[in-house]
N, C-alpha and C. Protein backbone atom coordinates (compact mmCIF):
# COMPACT_ATOMS: atom_id res chain seq x y z
N MET A 1 -129.65 205.64 -251.37
CA MET A 1 -128.60 204.69 -251.04
C MET A 1 -128.07 205.02 -249.66
N GLN A 2 -127.98 204.00 -248.82
CA GLN A 2 -127.46 204.19 -247.46
C GLN A 2 -126.08 203.57 -247.36
N HIS A 3 -125.15 204.35 -246.80
CA HIS A 3 -123.74 203.96 -246.79
C HIS A 3 -123.37 203.38 -245.43
N ILE A 4 -122.77 202.18 -245.47
CA ILE A 4 -122.41 201.45 -244.26
C ILE A 4 -120.92 201.15 -244.29
N LEU A 5 -120.25 201.43 -243.18
CA LEU A 5 -118.83 201.09 -243.02
C LEU A 5 -118.73 199.97 -242.00
N ILE A 6 -118.01 198.90 -242.34
CA ILE A 6 -117.80 197.78 -241.43
C ILE A 6 -116.31 197.71 -241.10
N VAL A 7 -115.99 197.71 -239.79
CA VAL A 7 -114.62 197.67 -239.33
C VAL A 7 -114.44 196.44 -238.46
N ASP A 8 -113.59 195.51 -238.92
CA ASP A 8 -113.35 194.28 -238.15
C ASP A 8 -111.99 193.73 -238.59
N ASP A 9 -111.17 193.32 -237.64
CA ASP A 9 -109.84 192.79 -237.96
C ASP A 9 -109.91 191.34 -238.44
N GLU A 10 -111.05 190.69 -238.36
CA GLU A 10 -111.21 189.32 -238.83
C GLU A 10 -111.74 189.34 -240.27
N LYS A 11 -110.93 188.84 -241.19
CA LYS A 11 -111.31 188.85 -242.61
C LYS A 11 -112.58 188.06 -242.86
N ASP A 12 -112.76 186.93 -242.18
CA ASP A 12 -113.95 186.10 -242.38
C ASP A 12 -115.21 186.86 -241.97
N MET A 13 -115.13 187.58 -240.85
CA MET A 13 -116.29 188.35 -240.38
C MET A 13 -116.61 189.49 -241.35
N LEU A 14 -115.57 190.16 -241.86
CA LEU A 14 -115.78 191.21 -242.85
C LEU A 14 -116.47 190.67 -244.09
N ALA A 15 -116.00 189.52 -244.55
CA ALA A 15 -116.58 188.92 -245.75
C ALA A 15 -118.04 188.54 -245.51
N LEU A 16 -118.32 187.95 -244.36
CA LEU A 16 -119.68 187.53 -244.03
C LEU A 16 -120.61 188.74 -243.95
N LEU A 17 -120.24 189.74 -243.18
CA LEU A 17 -121.09 190.92 -243.04
C LEU A 17 -121.23 191.66 -244.38
N GLY A 18 -120.13 191.77 -245.11
CA GLY A 18 -120.18 192.41 -246.43
C GLY A 18 -121.14 191.70 -247.36
N ARG A 19 -121.11 190.37 -247.33
CA ARG A 19 -122.00 189.57 -248.20
C ARG A 19 -123.47 189.74 -247.77
N ILE A 20 -123.74 189.69 -246.45
CA ILE A 20 -125.10 189.82 -245.96
C ILE A 20 -125.69 191.18 -246.33
N LEU A 21 -124.93 192.24 -246.13
CA LEU A 21 -125.45 193.57 -246.37
C LEU A 21 -125.41 193.98 -247.84
N SER A 22 -124.46 193.45 -248.60
CA SER A 22 -124.39 193.78 -250.03
C SER A 22 -125.53 193.15 -250.82
N ASP A 23 -126.21 192.16 -250.25
CA ASP A 23 -127.36 191.56 -250.91
C ASP A 23 -128.52 192.54 -251.02
N LYS A 24 -128.53 193.54 -250.17
CA LYS A 24 -129.59 194.55 -250.19
C LYS A 24 -129.16 195.68 -251.12
N PRO A 25 -129.90 195.93 -252.21
CA PRO A 25 -129.47 196.94 -253.19
C PRO A 25 -129.46 198.38 -252.64
N GLU A 26 -130.17 198.62 -251.52
CA GLU A 26 -130.21 199.99 -250.98
C GLU A 26 -128.99 200.30 -250.10
N TYR A 27 -128.09 199.31 -249.89
CA TYR A 27 -126.92 199.53 -249.05
C TYR A 27 -125.66 199.59 -249.91
N ALA A 28 -124.84 200.59 -249.66
CA ALA A 28 -123.50 200.67 -250.24
C ALA A 28 -122.55 200.34 -249.09
N VAL A 29 -121.83 199.24 -249.19
CA VAL A 29 -121.03 198.73 -248.09
C VAL A 29 -119.54 198.93 -248.36
N THR A 30 -118.84 199.50 -247.37
CA THR A 30 -117.40 199.63 -247.41
C THR A 30 -116.85 198.85 -246.22
N VAL A 31 -115.78 198.09 -246.42
CA VAL A 31 -115.20 197.30 -245.34
C VAL A 31 -113.73 197.63 -245.18
N THR A 32 -113.26 197.53 -243.94
CA THR A 32 -111.83 197.67 -243.66
C THR A 32 -111.48 196.81 -242.46
N GLU A 33 -110.32 196.18 -242.54
CA GLU A 33 -109.84 195.41 -241.39
C GLU A 33 -108.84 196.21 -240.57
N ASP A 34 -108.50 197.41 -241.00
CA ASP A 34 -107.55 198.28 -240.31
C ASP A 34 -108.30 199.44 -239.67
N SER A 35 -108.45 199.42 -238.35
CA SER A 35 -109.20 200.45 -237.66
C SER A 35 -108.54 201.82 -237.80
N ARG A 36 -107.26 201.87 -238.14
CA ARG A 36 -106.59 203.16 -238.32
C ARG A 36 -107.09 203.91 -239.56
N LYS A 37 -107.73 203.21 -240.48
CA LYS A 37 -108.22 203.83 -241.71
C LYS A 37 -109.59 204.48 -241.54
N VAL A 38 -110.22 204.33 -240.39
CA VAL A 38 -111.59 204.84 -240.18
C VAL A 38 -111.63 206.36 -240.35
N GLY A 39 -110.68 207.08 -239.77
CA GLY A 39 -110.65 208.54 -239.88
C GLY A 39 -110.56 208.99 -241.33
N GLU A 40 -109.71 208.32 -242.10
CA GLU A 40 -109.55 208.64 -243.52
C GLU A 40 -110.84 208.34 -244.29
N LEU A 41 -111.46 207.20 -244.01
CA LEU A 41 -112.71 206.85 -244.69
C LEU A 41 -113.83 207.82 -244.34
N LEU A 42 -113.88 208.24 -243.08
CA LEU A 42 -114.91 209.21 -242.69
C LEU A 42 -114.68 210.55 -243.39
N GLY A 43 -113.43 210.90 -243.60
CA GLY A 43 -113.11 212.14 -244.29
C GLY A 43 -113.44 212.12 -245.77
N SER A 44 -113.42 210.93 -246.36
CA SER A 44 -113.67 210.83 -247.81
C SER A 44 -115.13 210.60 -248.16
N GLY A 45 -115.98 210.38 -247.17
CA GLY A 45 -117.39 210.13 -247.47
C GLY A 45 -118.25 210.14 -246.23
N THR A 46 -119.53 210.17 -246.46
CA THR A 46 -120.48 210.18 -245.34
C THR A 46 -121.06 208.79 -245.18
N PHE A 47 -121.06 208.29 -243.96
CA PHE A 47 -121.62 206.99 -243.65
C PHE A 47 -122.83 207.18 -242.76
N ASP A 48 -123.89 206.43 -243.07
CA ASP A 48 -125.09 206.45 -242.24
C ASP A 48 -124.93 205.53 -241.04
N LEU A 49 -124.12 204.50 -241.20
CA LEU A 49 -123.93 203.50 -240.15
C LEU A 49 -122.49 202.99 -240.18
N VAL A 50 -121.91 202.85 -238.98
CA VAL A 50 -120.61 202.22 -238.84
C VAL A 50 -120.80 201.03 -237.91
N MET A 51 -120.38 199.85 -238.37
CA MET A 51 -120.41 198.64 -237.56
C MET A 51 -118.95 198.30 -237.25
N THR A 52 -118.61 198.20 -235.96
CA THR A 52 -117.22 197.96 -235.60
C THR A 52 -117.10 196.87 -234.55
N ASP A 53 -116.03 196.09 -234.70
CA ASP A 53 -115.69 195.09 -233.70
C ASP A 53 -115.16 195.82 -232.46
N LEU A 54 -115.32 195.21 -231.30
CA LEU A 54 -114.85 195.84 -230.05
C LEU A 54 -113.36 195.63 -229.86
N LYS A 55 -112.90 194.40 -230.01
CA LYS A 55 -111.49 194.06 -229.76
C LYS A 55 -110.75 194.00 -231.09
N MET A 56 -109.87 195.00 -231.30
CA MET A 56 -109.05 195.06 -232.52
C MET A 56 -107.69 195.65 -232.15
N PRO A 57 -106.67 195.33 -232.95
CA PRO A 57 -105.39 195.99 -232.73
C PRO A 57 -105.51 197.47 -233.16
N HIS A 58 -104.61 198.28 -232.68
CA HIS A 58 -104.54 199.71 -232.98
C HIS A 58 -105.66 200.45 -232.28
N LEU A 59 -106.82 200.63 -232.92
CA LEU A 59 -107.96 201.30 -232.28
C LEU A 59 -109.00 200.23 -231.96
N ASP A 60 -109.48 200.22 -230.70
CA ASP A 60 -110.56 199.27 -230.39
C ASP A 60 -111.89 199.89 -230.78
N GLY A 61 -112.96 199.13 -230.60
CA GLY A 61 -114.29 199.58 -231.04
C GLY A 61 -114.75 200.85 -230.34
N LEU A 62 -114.40 201.00 -229.05
CA LEU A 62 -114.81 202.22 -228.34
C LEU A 62 -114.05 203.44 -228.86
N GLN A 63 -112.79 203.26 -229.25
CA GLN A 63 -112.03 204.35 -229.84
C GLN A 63 -112.58 204.70 -231.23
N VAL A 64 -112.98 203.68 -231.97
CA VAL A 64 -113.61 203.91 -233.27
C VAL A 64 -114.92 204.68 -233.07
N LEU A 65 -115.70 204.29 -232.06
CA LEU A 65 -116.95 204.98 -231.73
C LEU A 65 -116.68 206.46 -231.42
N ASP A 66 -115.67 206.72 -230.59
CA ASP A 66 -115.30 208.11 -230.27
C ASP A 66 -114.92 208.89 -231.53
N LEU A 67 -114.14 208.26 -232.40
CA LEU A 67 -113.70 208.90 -233.63
C LEU A 67 -114.88 209.23 -234.54
N VAL A 68 -115.77 208.25 -234.69
CA VAL A 68 -116.96 208.45 -235.54
C VAL A 68 -117.81 209.60 -234.99
N LYS A 69 -118.07 209.57 -233.69
CA LYS A 69 -118.92 210.60 -233.08
C LYS A 69 -118.27 211.97 -233.12
N SER A 70 -116.94 212.05 -233.11
CA SER A 70 -116.28 213.36 -233.19
C SER A 70 -116.30 213.91 -234.61
N LYS A 71 -116.21 213.03 -235.61
CA LYS A 71 -116.19 213.50 -237.00
C LYS A 71 -117.57 213.55 -237.63
N SER A 72 -118.48 212.70 -237.17
CA SER A 72 -119.81 212.61 -237.77
C SER A 72 -120.82 212.23 -236.68
N PRO A 73 -121.21 213.19 -235.85
CA PRO A 73 -122.04 212.88 -234.66
C PRO A 73 -123.37 212.19 -234.97
N ARG A 74 -123.89 212.38 -236.15
CA ARG A 74 -125.21 211.80 -236.46
C ARG A 74 -125.13 210.40 -237.06
N THR A 75 -123.93 209.90 -237.26
CA THR A 75 -123.77 208.54 -237.78
C THR A 75 -124.07 207.53 -236.68
N ALA A 76 -124.90 206.53 -236.99
CA ALA A 76 -125.21 205.47 -236.03
C ALA A 76 -124.03 204.50 -235.97
N VAL A 77 -123.72 204.02 -234.77
CA VAL A 77 -122.61 203.08 -234.60
C VAL A 77 -123.12 201.86 -233.86
N VAL A 78 -122.78 200.68 -234.40
CA VAL A 78 -123.12 199.41 -233.76
C VAL A 78 -121.80 198.73 -233.41
N ILE A 79 -121.68 198.35 -232.13
CA ILE A 79 -120.49 197.64 -231.64
C ILE A 79 -120.79 196.15 -231.67
N MET A 80 -119.81 195.37 -232.21
CA MET A 80 -119.95 193.92 -232.26
C MET A 80 -118.78 193.31 -231.47
N THR A 81 -119.06 192.25 -230.74
CA THR A 81 -117.96 191.60 -229.99
C THR A 81 -118.29 190.16 -229.65
N ALA A 82 -117.22 189.38 -229.55
CA ALA A 82 -117.34 188.01 -229.05
C ALA A 82 -117.03 187.99 -227.56
N TYR A 83 -116.58 189.14 -227.04
CA TYR A 83 -116.17 189.24 -225.64
C TYR A 83 -117.05 190.25 -224.91
N GLY A 84 -118.35 190.09 -225.01
CA GLY A 84 -119.28 191.04 -224.44
C GLY A 84 -119.32 191.00 -222.92
N THR A 85 -119.26 192.18 -222.33
CA THR A 85 -119.44 192.30 -220.88
C THR A 85 -120.46 193.41 -220.64
N ILE A 86 -121.06 193.36 -219.48
CA ILE A 86 -122.04 194.41 -219.15
C ILE A 86 -121.34 195.77 -219.11
N ASP A 87 -120.12 195.82 -218.55
CA ASP A 87 -119.40 197.09 -218.45
C ASP A 87 -119.11 197.69 -219.82
N SER A 88 -118.66 196.85 -220.76
CA SER A 88 -118.36 197.39 -222.10
C SER A 88 -119.64 197.80 -222.82
N ALA A 89 -120.72 197.07 -222.60
CA ALA A 89 -122.00 197.45 -223.21
C ALA A 89 -122.49 198.78 -222.67
N ILE A 90 -122.37 198.96 -221.35
CA ILE A 90 -122.79 200.23 -220.74
C ILE A 90 -121.95 201.37 -221.24
N GLU A 91 -120.63 201.15 -221.30
CA GLU A 91 -119.74 202.22 -221.78
C GLU A 91 -120.03 202.58 -223.23
N ALA A 92 -120.26 201.57 -224.07
CA ALA A 92 -120.56 201.83 -225.48
C ALA A 92 -121.85 202.63 -225.62
N THR A 93 -122.86 202.25 -224.85
CA THR A 93 -124.13 202.96 -224.91
C THR A 93 -123.98 204.38 -224.40
N ARG A 94 -123.23 204.56 -223.33
CA ARG A 94 -123.01 205.88 -222.76
C ARG A 94 -122.28 206.79 -223.75
N LYS A 95 -121.40 206.20 -224.56
CA LYS A 95 -120.66 206.99 -225.54
C LYS A 95 -121.46 207.25 -226.83
N GLY A 96 -122.64 206.65 -226.93
CA GLY A 96 -123.49 206.94 -228.07
C GLY A 96 -123.68 205.83 -229.07
N ALA A 97 -123.28 204.60 -228.73
CA ALA A 97 -123.50 203.48 -229.64
C ALA A 97 -125.00 203.22 -229.79
N PHE A 98 -125.43 202.92 -230.99
CA PHE A 98 -126.84 202.62 -231.22
C PHE A 98 -127.21 201.26 -230.64
N ASP A 99 -126.32 200.28 -230.82
CA ASP A 99 -126.60 198.94 -230.34
C ASP A 99 -125.27 198.23 -230.06
N TYR A 100 -125.37 197.11 -229.38
CA TYR A 100 -124.21 196.32 -228.96
C TYR A 100 -124.57 194.87 -229.22
N LEU A 101 -123.89 194.26 -230.18
CA LEU A 101 -124.19 192.88 -230.57
C LEU A 101 -123.10 191.92 -230.10
N THR A 102 -123.50 190.77 -229.58
CA THR A 102 -122.50 189.78 -229.21
C THR A 102 -122.45 188.69 -230.30
N LYS A 103 -121.22 188.30 -230.65
CA LYS A 103 -121.01 187.25 -231.64
C LYS A 103 -121.11 185.90 -230.93
N PRO A 104 -121.51 184.86 -231.60
CA PRO A 104 -122.01 184.83 -232.98
C PRO A 104 -123.44 185.35 -233.03
N PHE A 105 -123.82 185.86 -234.18
CA PHE A 105 -125.17 186.35 -234.36
C PHE A 105 -125.73 185.81 -235.67
N ARG A 106 -127.02 185.83 -235.76
CA ARG A 106 -127.71 185.30 -236.95
C ARG A 106 -127.90 186.41 -237.96
N LYS A 107 -128.01 186.03 -239.21
CA LYS A 107 -128.22 186.96 -240.31
C LYS A 107 -129.43 187.85 -240.05
N GLU A 108 -130.52 187.27 -239.58
CA GLU A 108 -131.76 188.02 -239.33
C GLU A 108 -131.52 189.11 -238.30
N ARG A 109 -130.72 188.79 -237.27
CA ARG A 109 -130.44 189.78 -236.21
C ARG A 109 -129.63 190.94 -236.78
N ILE A 110 -128.65 190.64 -237.58
CA ILE A 110 -127.84 191.70 -238.22
C ILE A 110 -128.72 192.60 -239.06
N LEU A 111 -129.54 192.00 -239.91
CA LEU A 111 -130.41 192.79 -240.79
C LEU A 111 -131.39 193.64 -239.97
N GLN A 112 -131.89 193.08 -238.88
CA GLN A 112 -132.83 193.81 -238.02
C GLN A 112 -132.14 195.02 -237.38
N VAL A 113 -130.97 194.83 -236.83
CA VAL A 113 -130.24 195.93 -236.16
C VAL A 113 -129.84 196.99 -237.18
N VAL A 114 -129.36 196.58 -238.33
CA VAL A 114 -128.99 197.54 -239.37
C VAL A 114 -130.20 198.35 -239.82
N ASP A 115 -131.32 197.67 -240.03
CA ASP A 115 -132.56 198.35 -240.43
C ASP A 115 -132.99 199.38 -239.36
N GLN A 116 -132.97 198.96 -238.10
CA GLN A 116 -133.37 199.86 -237.01
C GLN A 116 -132.42 201.05 -236.89
N ALA A 117 -131.12 200.80 -237.01
CA ALA A 117 -130.14 201.87 -236.90
C ALA A 117 -130.29 202.87 -238.03
N LEU A 118 -130.52 202.38 -239.23
CA LEU A 118 -130.66 203.29 -240.38
C LEU A 118 -131.97 204.07 -240.30
N LYS A 119 -133.04 203.44 -239.81
CA LYS A 119 -134.30 204.18 -239.62
C LYS A 119 -134.14 205.27 -238.56
N TRP A 120 -133.44 204.93 -237.47
CA TRP A 120 -133.18 205.92 -236.41
C TRP A 120 -132.37 207.08 -236.97
N GLN A 121 -131.33 206.75 -237.75
CA GLN A 121 -130.46 207.78 -238.32
C GLN A 121 -131.27 208.67 -239.27
N GLN A 122 -132.14 208.08 -240.06
CA GLN A 122 -132.98 208.84 -240.99
C GLN A 122 -133.94 209.75 -240.22
N LEU A 123 -134.55 209.25 -239.15
CA LEU A 123 -135.45 210.08 -238.33
C LEU A 123 -134.69 211.23 -237.68
N GLU A 124 -133.48 210.98 -237.21
CA GLU A 124 -132.65 212.03 -236.62
C GLU A 124 -132.37 213.12 -237.65
N THR A 125 -132.04 212.72 -238.87
CA THR A 125 -131.75 213.68 -239.94
C THR A 125 -132.99 214.49 -240.28
N GLU A 126 -134.12 213.83 -240.44
CA GLU A 126 -135.37 214.54 -240.74
C GLU A 126 -135.74 215.50 -239.60
N ASN A 127 -135.58 215.06 -238.37
CA ASN A 127 -135.89 215.89 -237.22
C ASN A 127 -135.00 217.13 -237.20
N ARG A 128 -133.72 216.96 -237.46
CA ARG A 128 -132.79 218.09 -237.50
C ARG A 128 -133.16 219.08 -238.60
N LEU A 129 -133.50 218.55 -239.78
CA LEU A 129 -133.88 219.42 -240.90
C LEU A 129 -135.16 220.19 -240.61
N LEU A 130 -136.12 219.53 -239.98
CA LEU A 130 -137.38 220.21 -239.63
C LEU A 130 -137.12 221.30 -238.58
N ARG A 131 -136.26 221.02 -237.62
CA ARG A 131 -135.93 222.04 -236.61
C ARG A 131 -135.26 223.24 -237.26
N GLU A 132 -134.34 222.97 -238.19
CA GLU A 132 -133.67 224.06 -238.89
C GLU A 132 -134.65 224.89 -239.70
N GLN A 133 -135.61 224.24 -240.34
CA GLN A 133 -136.61 224.96 -241.10
C GLN A 133 -137.46 225.84 -240.19
N LEU A 134 -137.83 225.32 -239.04
CA LEU A 134 -138.63 226.10 -238.09
C LEU A 134 -137.84 227.28 -237.54
N GLU A 135 -136.55 227.09 -237.29
CA GLU A 135 -135.73 228.17 -236.78
C GLU A 135 -135.48 229.24 -237.82
N ASP A 136 -135.40 228.84 -239.08
CA ASP A 136 -135.10 229.79 -240.16
C ASP A 136 -136.27 230.67 -240.52
N LYS A 137 -137.47 230.23 -240.27
CA LYS A 137 -138.64 230.98 -240.73
C LYS A 137 -139.48 231.47 -239.56
N PRO A 138 -139.94 232.72 -239.65
CA PRO A 138 -140.88 233.17 -238.65
C PRO A 138 -142.17 232.34 -238.72
N HIS A 139 -142.88 232.26 -237.62
CA HIS A 139 -144.07 231.42 -237.54
C HIS A 139 -145.30 232.21 -237.97
N PHE A 140 -145.77 231.98 -239.21
CA PHE A 140 -146.89 232.74 -239.79
C PHE A 140 -148.20 231.98 -239.74
N SER A 141 -148.27 230.80 -239.13
CA SER A 141 -149.48 229.98 -239.24
C SER A 141 -150.72 230.67 -238.68
N ALA A 142 -150.55 231.59 -237.71
CA ALA A 142 -151.71 232.27 -237.13
C ALA A 142 -152.20 233.41 -238.02
N LEU A 143 -151.36 233.85 -238.95
CA LEU A 143 -151.74 234.94 -239.84
C LEU A 143 -152.51 234.38 -241.03
N VAL A 144 -153.73 234.86 -241.23
CA VAL A 144 -154.59 234.33 -242.29
C VAL A 144 -154.70 235.38 -243.39
N GLY A 145 -154.56 234.92 -244.62
CA GLY A 145 -154.73 235.81 -245.75
C GLY A 145 -153.66 235.62 -246.79
N LYS A 146 -154.00 235.87 -248.05
CA LYS A 146 -153.06 235.69 -249.15
C LYS A 146 -152.98 236.94 -250.03
N SER A 147 -153.45 238.03 -249.53
CA SER A 147 -153.43 239.26 -250.31
C SER A 147 -152.01 239.81 -250.40
N ARG A 148 -151.84 240.76 -251.28
CA ARG A 148 -150.54 241.41 -251.45
C ARG A 148 -150.12 242.08 -250.14
N ALA A 149 -151.06 242.69 -249.44
CA ALA A 149 -150.77 243.37 -248.17
C ALA A 149 -150.26 242.37 -247.12
N MET A 150 -150.83 241.16 -247.08
CA MET A 150 -150.38 240.14 -246.14
C MET A 150 -148.97 239.66 -246.49
N HIS A 151 -148.67 239.53 -247.77
CA HIS A 151 -147.32 239.13 -248.19
C HIS A 151 -146.31 240.19 -247.78
N VAL A 152 -146.66 241.44 -247.96
CA VAL A 152 -145.77 242.54 -247.58
C VAL A 152 -145.55 242.50 -246.07
N LEU A 153 -146.61 242.29 -245.30
CA LEU A 153 -146.52 242.22 -243.86
C LEU A 153 -145.61 241.06 -243.43
N GLN A 154 -145.77 239.88 -244.05
CA GLN A 154 -144.94 238.74 -243.72
C GLN A 154 -143.46 239.00 -244.06
N GLU A 155 -143.20 239.67 -245.15
CA GLU A 155 -141.83 240.02 -245.50
C GLU A 155 -141.22 240.96 -244.47
N GLN A 156 -142.03 241.93 -244.02
CA GLN A 156 -141.54 242.87 -243.01
C GLN A 156 -141.26 242.13 -241.69
N ILE A 157 -142.15 241.24 -241.31
CA ILE A 157 -141.93 240.46 -240.10
C ILE A 157 -140.66 239.65 -240.21
N ALA A 158 -140.44 239.01 -241.34
CA ALA A 158 -139.24 238.20 -241.55
C ALA A 158 -137.98 239.04 -241.45
N GLN A 159 -138.03 240.28 -241.91
CA GLN A 159 -136.85 241.16 -241.86
C GLN A 159 -136.49 241.53 -240.42
N VAL A 160 -137.47 241.78 -239.58
CA VAL A 160 -137.18 242.24 -238.22
C VAL A 160 -137.16 241.12 -237.19
N ALA A 161 -137.63 239.95 -237.54
CA ALA A 161 -137.75 238.85 -236.58
C ALA A 161 -136.40 238.44 -235.98
N ARG A 162 -135.35 238.47 -236.77
CA ARG A 162 -134.03 238.02 -236.31
C ARG A 162 -133.24 239.12 -235.60
N THR A 163 -133.78 240.32 -235.55
CA THR A 163 -133.06 241.41 -234.91
C THR A 163 -133.47 241.52 -233.44
N THR A 164 -132.76 242.36 -232.73
CA THR A 164 -133.11 242.64 -231.34
C THR A 164 -133.75 244.03 -231.23
N ALA A 165 -134.08 244.59 -232.38
CA ALA A 165 -134.67 245.94 -232.40
C ALA A 165 -136.06 245.94 -231.77
N THR A 166 -136.41 247.06 -231.16
CA THR A 166 -137.75 247.24 -230.61
C THR A 166 -138.67 247.68 -231.74
N ILE A 167 -139.81 247.04 -231.87
CA ILE A 167 -140.75 247.32 -232.96
C ILE A 167 -142.07 247.78 -232.36
N LEU A 168 -142.62 248.86 -232.93
CA LEU A 168 -143.94 249.37 -232.50
C LEU A 168 -144.98 248.88 -233.52
N ILE A 169 -145.96 248.14 -233.00
CA ILE A 169 -147.04 247.62 -233.85
C ILE A 169 -148.30 248.38 -233.47
N THR A 170 -148.89 249.06 -234.45
CA THR A 170 -150.08 249.85 -234.18
C THR A 170 -151.24 249.35 -235.00
N GLY A 171 -152.44 249.71 -234.58
CA GLY A 171 -153.65 249.33 -235.31
C GLY A 171 -154.84 249.30 -234.38
N GLU A 172 -156.01 249.21 -234.98
CA GLU A 172 -157.23 249.20 -234.20
C GLU A 172 -157.35 247.87 -233.45
N SER A 173 -158.21 247.88 -232.46
CA SER A 173 -158.47 246.68 -231.66
C SER A 173 -159.02 245.57 -232.56
N GLY A 174 -158.44 244.35 -232.40
CA GLY A 174 -158.95 243.21 -233.17
C GLY A 174 -158.32 243.04 -234.53
N THR A 175 -157.29 243.80 -234.85
CA THR A 175 -156.68 243.69 -236.19
C THR A 175 -155.52 242.68 -236.23
N GLY A 176 -155.14 242.10 -235.09
CA GLY A 176 -154.12 241.05 -235.10
C GLY A 176 -152.74 241.52 -234.69
N LYS A 177 -152.65 242.60 -233.91
CA LYS A 177 -151.33 243.10 -233.50
C LYS A 177 -150.58 242.06 -232.70
N GLU A 178 -151.29 241.34 -231.82
CA GLU A 178 -150.65 240.34 -230.99
C GLU A 178 -150.13 239.15 -231.84
N LEU A 179 -150.90 238.78 -232.86
CA LEU A 179 -150.47 237.71 -233.76
C LEU A 179 -149.22 238.11 -234.51
N VAL A 180 -149.16 239.37 -234.94
CA VAL A 180 -147.99 239.88 -235.64
C VAL A 180 -146.81 239.86 -234.69
N ALA A 181 -147.00 240.26 -233.45
CA ALA A 181 -145.92 240.27 -232.47
C ALA A 181 -145.38 238.87 -232.23
N ARG A 182 -146.23 237.88 -232.14
CA ARG A 182 -145.78 236.50 -231.94
C ARG A 182 -145.01 235.99 -233.17
N ALA A 183 -145.50 236.31 -234.35
CA ALA A 183 -144.84 235.88 -235.60
C ALA A 183 -143.47 236.51 -235.68
């Protein structure tokens, strides 16, 4: 289930977007017309995508974007506006908005942008998790073997890999000392 937050001070726009996105069973949609509630909503749950209007009372769309990125940097944000300018589009993109939509827009365009934003967000999450896995584990791919001695060696490498200690690796020529050092 992918969680989407829609922020717009126009009730009709909230209803329309909520209806379009709620038709997809894989989306859980939350809507608010009060931009001041975004911080509270972000604190109570994780959103994969935030769609926000640019011109709103209290917090405008760029302030909502800043708030989302400060509390949840990996959340994709789409800015929507009926008052699109090149300057505001550039600023939104510079601040990390995934996309910038001008109103009025068609249902197909909304679904396309939401789909792309959620795929991007999913790839970012997978990429981060893979990086964390690579950082957490020593690199044993060059070491071949499944014997008990190889498992013991890999455990020893894992124990010392995160330290700054100097390690002496000894053995005959061709036994893989350099591979152990790299691992």
